[in-house]
Protein backbone atom coordinates (compact mmCIF):
# COMPACT_ATOMS: atom_id res chain seq x y z
CA LEU A 1 -4.39 -39.10 23.17
CA ARG A 2 -1.04 -37.27 23.02
CA ASP A 3 0.08 -39.49 25.80
CA ILE A 4 -0.16 -42.68 23.52
CA ALA A 5 3.25 -42.44 21.36
CA SER A 6 4.71 -41.42 24.59
CA THR A 7 3.86 -44.70 26.53
CA VAL A 8 3.98 -47.02 23.92
CA GLY A 9 7.88 -45.90 23.38
CA GLU A 10 8.95 -46.35 26.67
CA PHE A 11 7.50 -49.67 27.06
CA LEU A 12 8.77 -50.80 23.70
CA ASN A 13 12.09 -48.96 24.74
CA PHE A 14 12.32 -46.96 21.26
CA PRO A 15 12.55 -42.82 21.86
CA THR A 16 9.86 -40.95 20.93
CA PRO A 17 11.36 -37.18 20.72
CA PHE A 18 8.60 -35.43 18.94
CA ALA A 19 6.19 -37.03 21.59
CA ARG A 20 4.53 -33.94 23.46
CA GLY A 21 2.67 -36.45 25.80
CA GLN A 22 3.88 -37.77 29.24
CA ILE A 23 4.69 -41.38 29.78
CA ILE A 24 1.56 -43.32 31.79
CA SER A 25 3.71 -45.98 32.80
CA GLY A 26 2.89 -44.98 36.33
CA ILE A 27 -0.43 -46.72 36.11
CA PHE A 28 1.60 -49.86 36.28
CA SER A 29 3.84 -49.41 39.45
CA GLN A 30 3.91 -48.96 43.17
CA ASN A 31 6.01 -46.03 42.41
CA PRO A 32 5.40 -43.76 39.76
CA ASP A 33 7.44 -40.60 38.68
CA PRO A 34 5.79 -37.56 39.66
CA LYS A 35 7.28 -35.43 37.01
CA ILE A 36 6.07 -33.32 35.00
CA ARG A 37 8.32 -32.84 31.48
CA VAL A 38 7.84 -29.37 30.09
CA TYR A 39 6.56 -28.64 26.84
CA ARG A 40 7.78 -25.90 25.31
CA ARG A 41 7.03 -25.99 21.85
CA ASN A 42 5.70 -23.46 18.35
CA PRO A 43 8.03 -20.11 18.75
CA ARG A 44 8.06 -16.51 17.46
CA VAL A 45 10.52 -14.28 17.28
CA LYS A 46 10.26 -10.17 16.75
CA ILE A 47 12.64 -7.12 16.68
CA PHE A 48 11.28 -4.19 16.55
CA GLN A 49 12.89 -0.54 18.06
CA GLY A 50 15.61 -2.27 19.49
CA MET A 51 13.75 -4.78 21.80
CA VAL A 52 13.27 -8.45 20.96
CA PHE A 53 10.39 -10.27 21.81
CA VAL A 54 9.93 -14.37 21.76
CA VAL A 55 6.51 -15.98 21.95
CA TRP A 56 5.91 -19.76 22.84
CA SER A 57 3.37 -22.18 24.12
CA GLN A 58 4.08 -24.29 27.22
CA ASN A 59 2.04 -27.08 29.66
CA ASP A 60 0.70 -26.95 32.76
CA LEU A 61 3.31 -28.23 35.17
CA ALA A 62 0.38 -28.61 37.57
CA ASP A 63 -0.87 -31.60 35.70
CA THR A 64 -3.59 -30.01 34.75
CA GLY A 65 -3.29 -30.84 31.24
CA ASN A 66 -4.01 -27.00 30.03
CA GLU A 67 -1.15 -25.32 27.95
CA HIS A 68 -1.09 -21.39 28.17
CA VAL A 69 1.04 -18.47 26.05
CA PHE A 70 4.40 -17.00 27.46
CA LEU A 71 6.15 -14.05 26.15
CA MET A 72 9.56 -12.97 27.54
CA LYS A 73 11.49 -10.09 25.90
CA LYS A 74 14.77 -7.66 26.27
CA ASP A 75 16.53 -5.25 25.12
CA ALA A 76 18.95 -5.56 22.15
CA ALA A 77 21.94 -4.87 24.25
CA ASP A 78 20.95 -6.98 27.32
CA VAL A 79 22.26 -10.64 27.43
CA PHE A 80 19.03 -12.12 29.04
CA PHE A 81 15.68 -12.12 28.79
CA CYS A 82 13.39 -10.99 31.36
CA ASN A 83 11.28 -13.53 33.58
CA PRO A 84 8.46 -15.49 31.01
CA ILE A 85 5.10 -13.12 31.05
CA PRO A 86 1.57 -14.97 30.96
CA ILE A 87 0.10 -13.85 27.96
CA ASP A 88 -3.26 -15.20 27.27
CA SER A 89 -5.87 -15.34 30.78
CA GLN A 90 -5.94 -18.57 33.04
CA ASN A 91 -9.70 -19.06 31.19
CA ALA A 92 -7.97 -20.84 28.24
CA ARG A 93 -7.47 -24.66 28.59
CA TRP A 94 -5.65 -24.98 25.55
CA ALA A 95 -3.39 -21.43 24.24
CA PHE A 96 -0.49 -22.45 21.72
CA PHE A 97 -0.09 -21.91 18.52
CA PRO A 98 1.34 -18.44 18.62
CA ALA A 99 2.26 -15.37 16.57
CA VAL A 100 3.41 -12.15 17.97
CA THR A 101 4.68 -8.31 15.55
CA ALA A 102 5.20 -5.00 16.35
CA ASN A 103 4.46 -1.79 15.10
CA LYS A 104 3.78 2.48 16.45
CA ASP A 105 0.49 1.14 17.59
CA GLY A 106 2.25 -1.59 20.67
CA LEU A 107 3.46 -5.60 20.64
CA HIS A 108 -0.02 -7.61 19.43
CA VAL A 109 -0.21 -11.35 20.57
CA VAL A 110 -2.74 -13.93 18.67
CA TRP A 111 -2.68 -17.91 19.68
CA LEU A 112 -5.41 -20.41 19.03
CA ASP A 113 -7.43 -21.14 22.09
CA GLY A 114 -9.42 -24.36 22.92
CA ARG A 115 -11.37 -22.58 26.23
CA ALA A 116 -15.12 -23.77 27.10
CA ARG A 117 -16.09 -20.03 25.92
CA ASP A 118 -20.03 -21.40 27.38
CA GLY A 119 -18.54 -22.81 30.20
CA ILE A 120 -19.64 -26.39 29.14
CA HIS A 121 -18.53 -26.60 25.04
CA ASP A 122 -14.68 -26.68 24.37
CA THR A 123 -14.08 -24.79 21.24
CA TRP A 124 -10.95 -23.85 18.75
CA SER A 125 -11.30 -19.79 19.18
CA VAL A 126 -8.47 -16.99 17.76
CA TYR A 127 -7.44 -14.28 20.31
CA TYR A 128 -5.84 -11.19 20.21
CA ARG A 129 -4.39 -9.60 23.06
CA LYS A 130 -1.91 -6.27 22.69
CA SER A 131 0.31 -4.24 24.68
CA MET A 132 0.72 -0.45 24.24
CA ASP A 133 4.12 -0.20 26.14
CA TYR A 134 5.27 -3.59 24.56
CA GLY A 135 5.12 -6.26 26.92
CA SER A 136 4.65 -4.24 30.61
CA THR A 137 1.16 -3.90 30.69
CA TRP A 138 -1.70 -5.76 28.45
CA GLU A 139 -5.22 -4.41 27.62
CA ASN A 140 -8.29 -7.50 27.74
CA GLU A 141 -8.20 -10.58 24.95
CA GLN A 142 -10.01 -10.16 21.85
CA LEU A 143 -12.30 -13.03 20.29
CA ILE A 144 -11.54 -12.51 16.69
CA ALA A 145 -12.93 -15.98 15.43
CA ALA A 146 -14.84 -18.87 16.61
CA SER A 147 -14.98 -22.57 15.56
CA THR A 148 -18.59 -23.28 15.58
CA PHE A 149 -19.65 -27.85 15.65
CA GLU A 150 -22.23 -28.80 16.38
CA SER A 151 -25.66 -27.31 16.29
CA ALA A 152 -28.99 -28.03 14.24
CA ASP A 153 -27.37 -27.96 11.14
CA PRO A 154 -24.64 -30.37 10.73
CA ASN A 155 -23.23 -28.74 8.01
CA SER A 156 -22.89 -25.98 9.47
CA MET A 157 -19.37 -27.60 11.79
CA GLU A 158 -16.56 -24.90 11.03
CA ILE A 159 -13.04 -25.20 12.61
CA GLU A 160 -10.56 -22.22 12.56
CA GLY A 161 -6.90 -22.43 11.95
CA GLU A 162 -3.82 -21.46 13.69
CA PRO A 163 -3.54 -17.76 13.57
CA VAL A 164 -0.44 -15.74 11.99
CA ILE A 165 0.01 -11.85 12.16
CA ILE A 166 1.67 -9.08 10.28
CA SER A 167 1.39 -5.59 10.97
CA ASN A 168 2.76 -2.40 9.53
CA GLU A 169 2.50 1.58 10.31
CA LEU A 170 -1.24 1.58 9.21
CA GLY A 171 -2.50 -1.10 11.25
CA GLU A 172 -2.15 -5.05 12.03
CA LEU A 173 -3.52 -8.09 9.74
CA ILE A 174 -4.07 -11.23 11.36
CA ILE A 175 -4.67 -14.59 8.57
CA THR A 176 -6.04 -17.91 9.93
CA VAL A 177 -7.57 -20.56 8.24
CA ARG A 178 -11.63 -21.55 8.47
CA TYR A 179 -12.40 -24.86 7.49
CA LYS A 180 -16.47 -25.33 7.05
CA ARG A 181 -17.81 -29.32 6.73
CA GLY A 182 -20.93 -29.71 4.17
CA PRO A 183 -21.48 -30.22 0.90
CA ASN A 184 -19.11 -27.45 -0.91
CA GLN A 185 -16.75 -27.25 2.46
CA ASN A 186 -16.22 -23.55 1.82
CA ARG A 187 -12.99 -23.76 3.03
CA ARG A 188 -11.21 -20.54 2.90
CA ILE A 189 -8.08 -18.61 4.30
CA THR A 190 -9.59 -15.78 6.31
CA SER A 191 -7.98 -12.47 6.84
CA PHE A 192 -8.87 -9.94 9.64
CA ARG A 193 -7.56 -6.30 9.18
CA SER A 194 -7.21 -3.81 12.15
CA ALA A 195 -7.06 -0.26 10.64
CA ASP A 196 -7.16 1.51 14.79
CA GLY A 197 -4.50 -0.15 16.43
CA GLY A 198 -6.33 -3.22 17.28
CA LYS A 199 -9.47 -1.82 18.72
CA LYS A 200 -11.97 -3.14 15.48
CA TRP A 201 -11.20 -5.93 12.73
CA VAL A 202 -13.06 -6.28 9.83
CA GLU A 203 -13.25 -10.24 7.99
CA ILE A 204 -11.75 -10.26 4.38
CA THR A 205 -11.59 -13.60 1.85
CA VAL A 206 -8.24 -14.04 0.88
CA LYS A 207 -8.95 -17.22 -0.97
CA GLN A 208 -11.80 -19.58 -0.75
CA ASP A 209 -11.89 -23.53 -1.83
CA ASN A 210 -12.87 -26.82 -1.60
CA LEU A 211 -9.50 -28.45 -0.83
CA SER A 212 -7.55 -27.93 2.63
CA PRO A 213 -5.60 -24.77 2.43
CA MET A 214 -2.98 -25.10 5.41
CA GLN A 215 0.83 -23.42 6.58
CA TYR A 216 0.15 -20.14 4.94
CA ASN A 217 2.97 -17.66 5.51
CA PRO A 218 2.24 -13.62 5.23
CA ILE A 219 5.08 -11.30 5.41
CA ALA A 220 4.87 -7.49 4.46
CA MET A 221 6.68 -6.26 1.81
CA GLU A 222 8.06 -3.00 1.01
CA GLY A 223 5.04 -0.26 0.94
CA PRO A 224 3.01 0.36 3.98
CA LYS A 225 0.06 -1.22 2.40
CA GLU A 226 1.93 -4.81 0.64
CA ALA A 227 1.64 -8.09 2.35
CA SER A 228 2.17 -11.35 0.11
CA MET A 229 1.53 -14.93 1.77
CA VAL A 230 2.33 -18.54 0.45
CA TRP A 231 0.22 -21.46 1.87
CA ILE A 232 -0.22 -25.12 0.36
CA ASP A 233 -3.07 -26.43 -0.50
CA MET A 234 -4.46 -29.66 -2.48
CA ALA A 235 -4.53 -29.52 -6.72
CA GLN A 236 -4.45 -32.30 -9.66
CA THR A 237 -1.14 -33.94 -9.95
CA PRO A 238 -0.15 -32.89 -13.51
CA ASN A 239 -1.34 -35.48 -16.08
CA LYS A 240 -2.85 -37.55 -13.51
CA PRO A 241 -6.41 -36.04 -13.75
CA THR A 242 -7.68 -38.58 -10.63
CA TYR A 243 -4.68 -37.87 -8.56
CA TYR A 244 -4.43 -34.65 -6.03
CA ASN A 245 -1.02 -33.74 -4.12
CA TRP A 246 -0.03 -30.86 -1.68
CA GLU A 247 1.73 -27.60 -3.71
CA VAL A 248 2.43 -24.59 -2.60
CA PHE A 249 0.28 -21.10 -3.56
CA PHE A 250 0.78 -17.41 -3.40
CA MET A 251 -1.64 -14.56 -3.15
CA ARG A 252 -0.58 -10.22 -2.05
CA THR A 253 -2.32 -7.41 -1.46
CA MET A 254 -1.13 -3.54 -2.30
CA ASN A 255 -3.84 -2.52 0.00
CA SER A 256 -3.45 -3.57 3.40
CA GLY A 257 -5.68 -6.64 2.84
CA THR A 258 -8.59 -5.10 1.64
CA THR A 259 -9.12 -6.92 -1.25
CA TRP A 260 -6.06 -10.49 -2.48
CA LYS A 261 -5.01 -11.04 -5.92
CA ASP A 262 -2.85 -12.39 -8.60
CA LEU A 263 -2.57 -15.68 -7.08
CA ASN A 264 0.13 -17.89 -8.21
CA ARG A 265 0.71 -21.31 -7.91
CA LEU A 266 4.40 -21.79 -7.78
CA THR A 267 4.91 -25.51 -7.73
CA ASN A 268 3.63 -28.11 -10.56
CA ASP A 269 4.42 -31.21 -10.53
CA ALA A 270 4.05 -34.40 -8.91
CA SER A 271 6.40 -34.47 -5.79
CA TYR A 272 5.63 -33.49 -2.25
CA SER A 273 5.88 -29.95 -1.07
CA TYR A 274 5.58 -28.57 2.25
CA MET A 275 6.43 -25.53 4.78
CA PRO A 276 6.43 -22.73 2.62
CA THR A 277 8.36 -19.10 3.70
CA LEU A 278 8.34 -16.25 1.96
CA ALA A 279 11.29 -12.69 2.23
CA TRP A 280 11.03 -9.83 0.83
CA GLY A 281 14.73 -7.42 0.63
CA GLY A 282 16.69 -6.08 -1.62
CA ASN A 283 13.90 -4.78 -4.76
CA LYS A 284 12.97 -9.07 -4.46
CA LEU A 285 10.64 -11.07 -3.56
CA ILE A 286 12.03 -15.60 -2.72
CA THR A 287 9.56 -18.36 -1.46
CA ALA A 288 11.35 -21.04 0.07
CA TRP A 289 9.76 -24.89 0.40
CA ALA A 290 10.81 -28.89 1.50
CA ASN A 291 10.27 -30.54 -1.60
CA ARG A 292 10.54 -34.34 -1.57
CA ASP A 293 10.47 -36.57 -5.42
CA VAL A 294 8.34 -39.34 -5.41
CA ALA A 295 10.53 -42.16 -5.69
CA GLY A 296 11.56 -41.55 -1.70
CA THR A 297 14.51 -38.88 -2.65
CA PRO A 298 16.03 -36.66 0.60
CA TRP A 299 14.25 -33.57 1.58
CA LYS A 300 15.55 -30.93 -0.26
CA LEU A 301 15.23 -26.97 0.25
CA ARG A 302 13.76 -25.27 -3.88
CA VAL A 303 13.15 -21.68 -3.80
CA ARG A 304 11.64 -19.48 -6.86
CA THR A 305 12.15 -15.80 -7.01
CA SER A 306 10.17 -12.42 -7.84
CA THR A 307 11.76 -9.22 -9.21
CA ASN A 308 8.24 -8.06 -8.86
CA LYS A 309 6.71 -8.34 -6.01
CA GLY A 310 5.12 -11.53 -6.90
CA LEU A 311 3.76 -10.25 -9.75
CA SER A 312 5.74 -13.08 -11.93
CA TRP A 313 8.08 -15.64 -10.88
CA GLY A 314 11.92 -17.06 -12.01
CA SER A 315 11.96 -21.12 -12.21
CA ALA A 316 12.85 -23.20 -9.08
CA LEU A 317 16.17 -23.28 -7.81
CA THR A 318 17.69 -26.28 -5.12
CA ILE A 319 19.66 -24.59 -2.22
CA PRO A 320 22.95 -26.70 -2.11
CA THR A 321 22.10 -28.69 1.48
CA GLY A 322 23.89 -31.20 1.02
CA ALA A 323 22.70 -34.87 0.58
CA SER A 324 21.07 -35.00 3.77
CA SER A 325 16.85 -33.99 4.48
CA ALA A 326 16.53 -30.96 4.69
CA TRP A 327 13.16 -28.92 6.04
CA GLN A 328 11.22 -26.81 8.43
CA PRO A 329 12.91 -23.45 6.07
CA ALA A 330 12.89 -20.25 7.88
CA MET A 331 13.77 -17.23 6.15
CA VAL A 332 13.95 -13.52 6.21
CA TRP A 333 16.13 -10.58 4.74
CA ASN A 334 18.75 -9.45 6.54
CA ALA A 335 19.37 -5.77 6.13
CA ALA A 336 22.66 -5.16 7.91
CA ARG A 337 24.04 -7.43 5.69
CA SER A 338 21.58 -7.33 2.69
CA GLU A 339 21.35 -10.61 2.28
CA PHE A 340 18.51 -13.25 2.94
CA PHE A 341 19.29 -15.87 5.32
CA ILE A 342 17.43 -19.03 5.66
CA ALA A 343 17.75 -21.94 8.37
CA TRP A 344 16.09 -25.12 8.32
CA ILE A 345 16.18 -28.49 10.00
CA ASP A 346 19.16 -31.30 8.77
CA TYR A 347 19.38 -34.96 9.29
CA ALA A 348 23.45 -34.34 8.44
CA SER A 349 24.15 -35.92 12.08
CA GLY A 350 21.56 -38.36 11.81
CA ILE A 351 19.58 -36.39 14.53
CA PRO A 352 17.67 -33.26 13.52
CA ASP A 353 19.51 -30.22 13.64
CA LEU A 354 20.15 -26.76 12.27
CA ARG A 355 22.31 -25.52 9.62
CA SER A 356 22.36 -21.67 7.52
CA SER A 357 22.58 -19.98 4.26
CA THR A 358 22.74 -17.02 2.50
CA CYS A 359 22.23 -15.36 -0.68
CA LYS A 360 22.09 -11.85 -1.97
CA ASP A 361 20.46 -12.05 -5.37
CA GLY A 362 18.03 -15.72 -4.65
CA GLN A 363 20.20 -17.24 -7.04
CA ASN A 364 23.86 -18.21 -5.43
CA TRP A 365 23.15 -19.35 -2.59
CA THR A 366 26.51 -20.51 0.28
CA LEU A 367 26.92 -23.91 1.57
CA PRO A 368 25.98 -24.78 4.42
CA ILE A 369 27.18 -23.88 8.05
CA THR A 370 25.44 -25.50 11.32
CA ILE A 371 24.74 -23.04 13.68
CA ASN A 372 25.73 -24.68 16.59
CA SER A 373 27.19 -27.74 17.97
CA GLN A 374 25.73 -29.78 21.01
CA PRO A 375 26.32 -33.07 22.57
CA ASN A 376 24.35 -36.08 20.78
CA ASN A 377 20.44 -36.65 21.20
CA VAL A 378 20.20 -32.83 21.42
CA PHE A 379 17.01 -32.53 18.45
CA ARG A 380 16.22 -29.51 17.08
CA TYR A 381 12.49 -28.30 15.90
CA LYS A 382 10.22 -25.46 14.12
CA PRO A 383 13.04 -22.87 13.65
CA HIS A 384 11.97 -19.09 13.62
CA VAL A 385 13.86 -15.76 12.20
CA ALA A 386 12.81 -12.41 12.46
CA SER A 387 15.89 -9.40 11.25
CA GLY A 388 15.84 -5.69 12.43
CA ASP A 389 17.91 -2.79 13.59
CA GLY A 390 20.60 -4.25 12.70
CA LEU A 391 19.98 -7.75 14.39
CA LEU A 392 19.70 -11.63 13.45
CA TYR A 393 17.31 -13.74 15.93
CA LEU A 394 16.82 -17.32 15.28
CA VAL A 395 14.92 -19.30 17.62
CA TRP A 396 13.95 -23.00 17.86
CA GLU A 397 12.68 -25.99 19.86
CA GLU A 398 15.33 -28.13 21.51
CA LEU A 399 14.95 -31.47 23.63
CA VAL A 400 17.15 -31.37 26.73
CA PRO A 401 19.16 -34.56 26.87
CA GLY A 402 18.27 -37.11 29.40
CA SER A 403 15.40 -35.14 31.18
CA GLY A 404 13.09 -35.05 28.71
CA GLU A 405 12.12 -31.47 28.46
CA TRP A 406 11.45 -28.93 25.24
CA VAL A 407 13.03 -25.92 25.77
CA ILE A 408 13.34 -22.82 23.77
CA GLY A 409 16.85 -22.53 22.01
CA VAL A 410 17.55 -19.19 20.71
């Protein structure tokens, strides 16, 4: 199915740079193009004790249709990363949406996996893998949660969402969403907590409703037991009781994920709100998201600040991104410069490019800066940023002009 967009675009002569499929025009040709194009996607970056780790997923160049997760790492002083290290086992058919974190126990990677666990039926599962020596050797994979499909009771069907992972010196915390079919649906954000370095996991429900939570983004805060999370969910539109739209929500835990509390709805209007992100630093908690008015104006970045770790929030402000659309924000506290750093995808040049802004107080943001300038037709997408040890690293997806291949930019 994912080959359809690329193929239609080829026949009708319009570009499809964000399509992940292959052009199947070869089935109509006596001399098909044998090249399998590379699609690397969903990069995530983590900095820990002078090491930089990047994970992503990419398609199998043997044209099997499979996809796998890889890691590259380097010392902060080195110029180049190591060669890609495969993370998932070859049992996986589709392994993607990886996430990475690190702490004193080692390096931790999770991903969404589409392997046939019974050898016959595909499923969606969350898998976890740990490296105590930070990427050189790996323990066996662990199954964290699995979807449930057809059964005697059709209402028992449940789908796992993509995972994210954060950690501190007390352990790891995996967040995913479980979408369940049925009269009450019981869709919920679920956390899996490990207090023993990833050996055992305890499932805890963060939030449960009958709507559709998605785009969840957790971070660790100041104390060793503190974490918070933002996500979007369907909510009633103000003054329109029969209308629903996507709104940004927040919750926090002060005991390493044992309980989650202090639910806050951070947006409450008829506009569209997507892709929320969080950052903690300077005794402030900031959330940012992409927002578009129903009138169809360009996408803008909106922010709110909390000075009490999310218990209450200040008014929403707009980051001065300019007249073009800005979305997919990625934000972090840059301790080396005592400021918040935010990067996003911007259309000021007519194609998606990377721009950034900084702020020390959550209120006054600098004018946007283009992070790098490349030739025309270089599309950039899905930025992710990390800071630590005096370093700031940004990763993204990038389309190579002319080749049709997607690579990971750093």
